[in-house]
Amino acid sequence: MTTGSVSPRRADTRRNHERILAAAAASLADTGEVSFNAIARQAEVGVGTVYRHFPTSEALILAVYRREVLHIVEIVPVLLDKHAPDEALRVWVTDHVAHYMMTKKGLADALRTATAARGELPGDAFEDMLGAVSAMLEANVAAGTVRPGLTPLLVMRGLGGLLWLDPSGDWQRDAAELADLLWHGMAAQPG
């Protein structure tokens, strides 16, 4: 008879998996490189454990990317609960999406290399981001702060301007200015 609890081995496997991903994300942010030995040391696991979870560096890079996108997506309902929809959108763009883009340049470079053979990024991450943008749009349309009829894809294209921010410059100010520009284009017009 089972109690529904997770076996200690499975829980340990999940903890190791998450520690490996966290160590890889830190390594990619710092150096833009994936060294299974260094990641194993940082995660406090054996290098064989890293290879069992991620047989190739490409698999590890893609898993880090999915993990990072998931963090950006999962914060949306939290922000919508904590802030008015217009403020939630602004905080999400400037404090989460822009911050991610500026602190993950090494991941972006590694991701380009990892996906060169495959030809494209995982579609589920893009769909998840579209879902997050859609949730923000729906909340703002319902609040009357943005005009109806905007598509998540159009807003995502507008957010693409964040890719042009300079991580060595005043990217926080630039992200806020881009968010303002995007906001003015999306805002509901006074009737």
Protein backbone atom coordinates (compact mmCIF):
# COMPACT_ATOMS: atom_id res chain seq x y z
CA MET A 1 0.00 0.00 0.00
CA THR A 2 1.37 3.42 -0.89
CA THR A 3 0.86 6.63 0.98
CA GLY A 4 1.21 8.85 -2.06
CA SER A 5 4.55 10.19 -0.91
CA VAL A 6 7.48 10.30 -3.28
CA SER A 7 10.20 7.75 -2.72
CA PRO A 8 13.40 9.22 -1.30
CA ARG A 9 15.28 8.20 -4.44
CA ARG A 10 12.90 10.08 -6.73
CA ALA A 11 12.95 13.13 -4.48
CA ASP A 12 16.74 13.00 -4.48
CA THR A 13 16.75 12.69 -8.28
CA ARG A 14 14.53 15.76 -8.58
CA ARG A 15 16.74 17.73 -6.17
CA ASN A 16 19.84 16.76 -8.15
CA HIS A 17 18.11 17.73 -11.40
CA GLU A 18 17.22 21.17 -10.05
CA ARG A 19 20.70 21.72 -8.55
CA ILE A 20 22.29 20.84 -11.88
CA LEU A 21 20.00 23.26 -13.72
CA ALA A 22 20.71 26.04 -11.19
CA ALA A 23 24.46 25.49 -11.46
CA ALA A 24 24.29 25.42 -15.26
CA ALA A 25 22.21 28.61 -15.33
CA ALA A 26 24.76 30.36 -13.11
CA SER A 27 27.63 29.12 -15.26
CA LEU A 28 25.95 30.25 -18.47
CA ALA A 29 25.16 33.67 -16.97
CA ASP A 30 28.76 34.11 -15.75
CA THR A 31 30.83 32.59 -18.54
CA GLY A 32 28.44 31.56 -21.30
CA GLU A 33 29.99 28.10 -21.21
CA VAL A 34 28.93 24.64 -20.13
CA SER A 35 31.53 22.55 -18.35
CA PHE A 36 29.99 19.37 -17.00
CA ASN A 37 32.83 19.04 -14.46
CA ALA A 38 32.40 22.58 -13.14
CA ILE A 39 28.61 22.21 -13.06
CA ALA A 40 28.91 18.92 -11.17
CA ARG A 41 31.19 20.56 -8.58
CA GLN A 42 28.84 23.53 -8.19
CA ALA A 43 25.77 21.27 -7.92
CA GLU A 44 27.63 18.96 -5.51
CA VAL A 45 26.93 15.87 -7.61
CA GLY A 46 29.13 13.53 -9.59
CA VAL A 47 29.81 14.31 -13.23
CA GLY A 48 28.10 11.01 -14.12
CA THR A 49 24.93 12.32 -12.50
CA VAL A 50 25.04 15.37 -14.76
CA TYR A 51 25.42 13.14 -17.82
CA ARG A 52 22.57 10.87 -16.69
CA HIS A 53 20.26 13.87 -16.50
CA PHE A 54 21.62 15.63 -19.59
CA PRO A 55 23.54 13.45 -22.05
CA THR A 56 24.70 16.42 -24.15
CA SER A 57 25.53 20.06 -23.53
CA GLU A 58 22.74 20.98 -25.97
CA ALA A 59 20.21 19.08 -23.84
CA LEU A 60 21.44 20.89 -20.74
CA ILE A 61 21.33 24.32 -22.40
CA LEU A 62 17.79 23.74 -23.67
CA ALA A 63 16.68 22.56 -20.23
CA VAL A 64 18.14 25.70 -18.63
CA TYR A 65 16.35 27.83 -21.22
CA ARG A 66 13.02 26.08 -20.51
CA ARG A 67 13.56 26.53 -16.77
CA GLU A 68 14.30 30.23 -17.13
CA VAL A 69 11.28 30.83 -19.38
CA LEU A 70 9.11 28.95 -16.89
CA HIS A 71 10.20 31.36 -14.15
CA ILE A 72 9.20 34.35 -16.29
CA VAL A 73 5.85 32.76 -17.12
CA GLU A 74 5.02 31.60 -13.59
CA ILE A 75 5.50 35.09 -12.12
CA VAL A 76 2.61 36.52 -14.20
CA PRO A 77 -0.27 35.35 -11.95
CA VAL A 78 1.71 36.43 -8.88
CA LEU A 79 2.16 39.93 -10.32
CA LEU A 80 -1.49 40.13 -11.34
CA ASP A 81 -2.52 39.19 -7.79
CA LYS A 82 -0.13 41.71 -6.25
CA HIS A 83 -0.57 44.71 -8.59
CA ALA A 84 -3.18 46.41 -10.73
CA PRO A 85 -3.00 44.97 -14.27
CA ASP A 86 -1.21 47.99 -15.78
CA GLU A 87 1.44 47.98 -13.04
CA ALA A 88 1.77 44.19 -13.24
CA LEU A 89 2.55 44.45 -16.94
CA ARG A 90 5.13 47.18 -16.38
CA VAL A 91 6.83 45.27 -13.54
CA TRP A 92 6.85 42.09 -15.61
CA VAL A 93 8.47 43.81 -18.60
CA THR A 94 11.06 45.86 -16.70
CA ASP A 95 11.86 43.72 -13.67
CA HIS A 96 11.50 40.24 -15.10
CA VAL A 97 11.68 40.04 -18.90
CA ALA A 98 14.31 42.78 -19.37
CA HIS A 99 16.29 41.56 -16.35
CA TYR A 100 16.27 38.04 -17.75
CA MET A 101 17.52 39.26 -21.12
CA MET A 102 20.32 41.33 -19.62
CA THR A 103 21.55 38.75 -17.13
CA LYS A 104 21.28 35.77 -19.45
CA LYS A 105 23.37 36.94 -22.40
CA GLY A 106 25.65 33.90 -21.95
CA LEU A 107 22.61 31.65 -22.09
CA ALA A 108 21.44 33.41 -25.25
CA ASP A 109 24.81 32.84 -26.94
CA ALA A 110 24.92 29.20 -25.85
CA LEU A 111 21.32 28.73 -26.95
CA ARG A 112 22.12 30.02 -30.43
CA THR A 113 24.95 27.49 -30.66
CA ALA A 114 22.87 24.65 -29.20
CA THR A 115 19.97 25.25 -31.56
CA ALA A 116 22.07 25.80 -34.69
CA ALA A 117 21.88 22.10 -35.51
CA ARG A 118 18.18 21.89 -34.65
CA GLY A 119 17.28 25.09 -36.46
CA GLU A 120 14.88 26.54 -33.88
CA LEU A 121 14.07 27.12 -30.25
CA PRO A 122 11.68 24.80 -28.47
CA GLY A 123 8.15 25.77 -29.48
CA ASP A 124 6.71 25.12 -26.05
CA ALA A 125 8.76 27.95 -24.51
CA PHE A 126 7.48 30.39 -27.14
CA GLU A 127 3.91 29.22 -26.57
CA ASP A 128 4.36 29.63 -22.82
CA MET A 129 5.57 33.21 -23.31
CA LEU A 130 2.59 33.93 -25.60
CA GLY A 131 0.34 32.57 -22.86
CA ALA A 132 1.93 34.89 -20.30
CA VAL A 133 1.50 37.90 -22.58
CA SER A 134 -2.09 36.83 -23.25
CA ALA A 135 -2.84 36.69 -19.52
CA MET A 136 -1.42 40.20 -19.09
CA LEU A 137 -3.45 41.50 -22.06
CA GLU A 138 -6.69 39.89 -20.86
CA ALA A 139 -6.30 41.39 -17.39
CA ASN A 140 -5.58 44.83 -18.82
CA VAL A 141 -8.44 44.71 -21.34
CA ALA A 142 -10.81 43.69 -18.54
CA ALA A 143 -9.51 46.63 -16.46
CA GLY A 144 -9.98 48.97 -19.40
CA THR A 145 -6.32 49.99 -19.44
CA VAL A 146 -5.40 48.64 -22.89
CA ARG A 147 -7.38 48.67 -26.07
CA PRO A 148 -9.06 45.41 -27.07
CA GLY A 149 -7.98 43.59 -30.19
CA LEU A 150 -4.24 43.46 -29.48
CA THR A 151 -2.77 40.03 -30.10
CA PRO A 152 -0.16 38.44 -27.84
CA LEU A 153 2.09 37.95 -30.88
CA LEU A 154 2.01 41.68 -31.68
CA VAL A 155 2.92 42.55 -28.10
CA MET A 156 5.70 39.93 -28.16
CA ARG A 157 7.09 41.62 -31.26
CA GLY A 158 7.05 44.91 -29.37
CA LEU A 159 8.89 43.28 -26.48
CA GLY A 160 11.49 42.14 -28.99
CA GLY A 161 13.00 45.61 -28.65
CA LEU A 162 14.37 44.44 -25.30
CA LEU A 163 16.86 42.34 -27.26
CA TRP A 164 18.57 45.56 -28.33
CA LEU A 165 19.30 46.75 -24.80
CA ASP A 166 22.96 47.14 -23.92
CA PRO A 167 23.82 45.10 -20.81
CA SER A 168 26.82 47.34 -20.13
CA GLY A 169 24.72 50.52 -20.40
CA ASP A 170 21.77 51.81 -18.40
CA TRP A 171 19.50 48.99 -19.54
CA GLN A 172 17.06 49.49 -16.65
CA ARG A 173 16.30 53.04 -17.83
CA ASP A 174 16.14 51.90 -21.44
CA ALA A 175 13.79 49.04 -20.53
CA ALA A 176 11.52 51.45 -18.65
CA GLU A 177 11.46 53.80 -21.65
CA LEU A 178 10.66 50.91 -24.00
CA ALA A 179 7.88 49.77 -21.64
CA ASP A 180 6.48 53.32 -21.70
CA LEU A 181 6.57 53.40 -25.50
CA LEU A 182 4.89 50.01 -25.72
CA TRP A 183 2.33 51.04 -23.11
CA HIS A 184 1.37 54.20 -25.00
CA GLY A 185 0.80 52.13 -28.13
CA MET A 186 -1.38 49.66 -26.24
CA ALA A 187 -3.27 52.04 -23.96
CA ALA A 188 -7.02 52.38 -24.20
CA GLN A 189 -7.93 55.69 -25.77
CA PRO A 190 -10.04 57.97 -23.62
CA GLY A 191 -13.58 57.89 -24.92
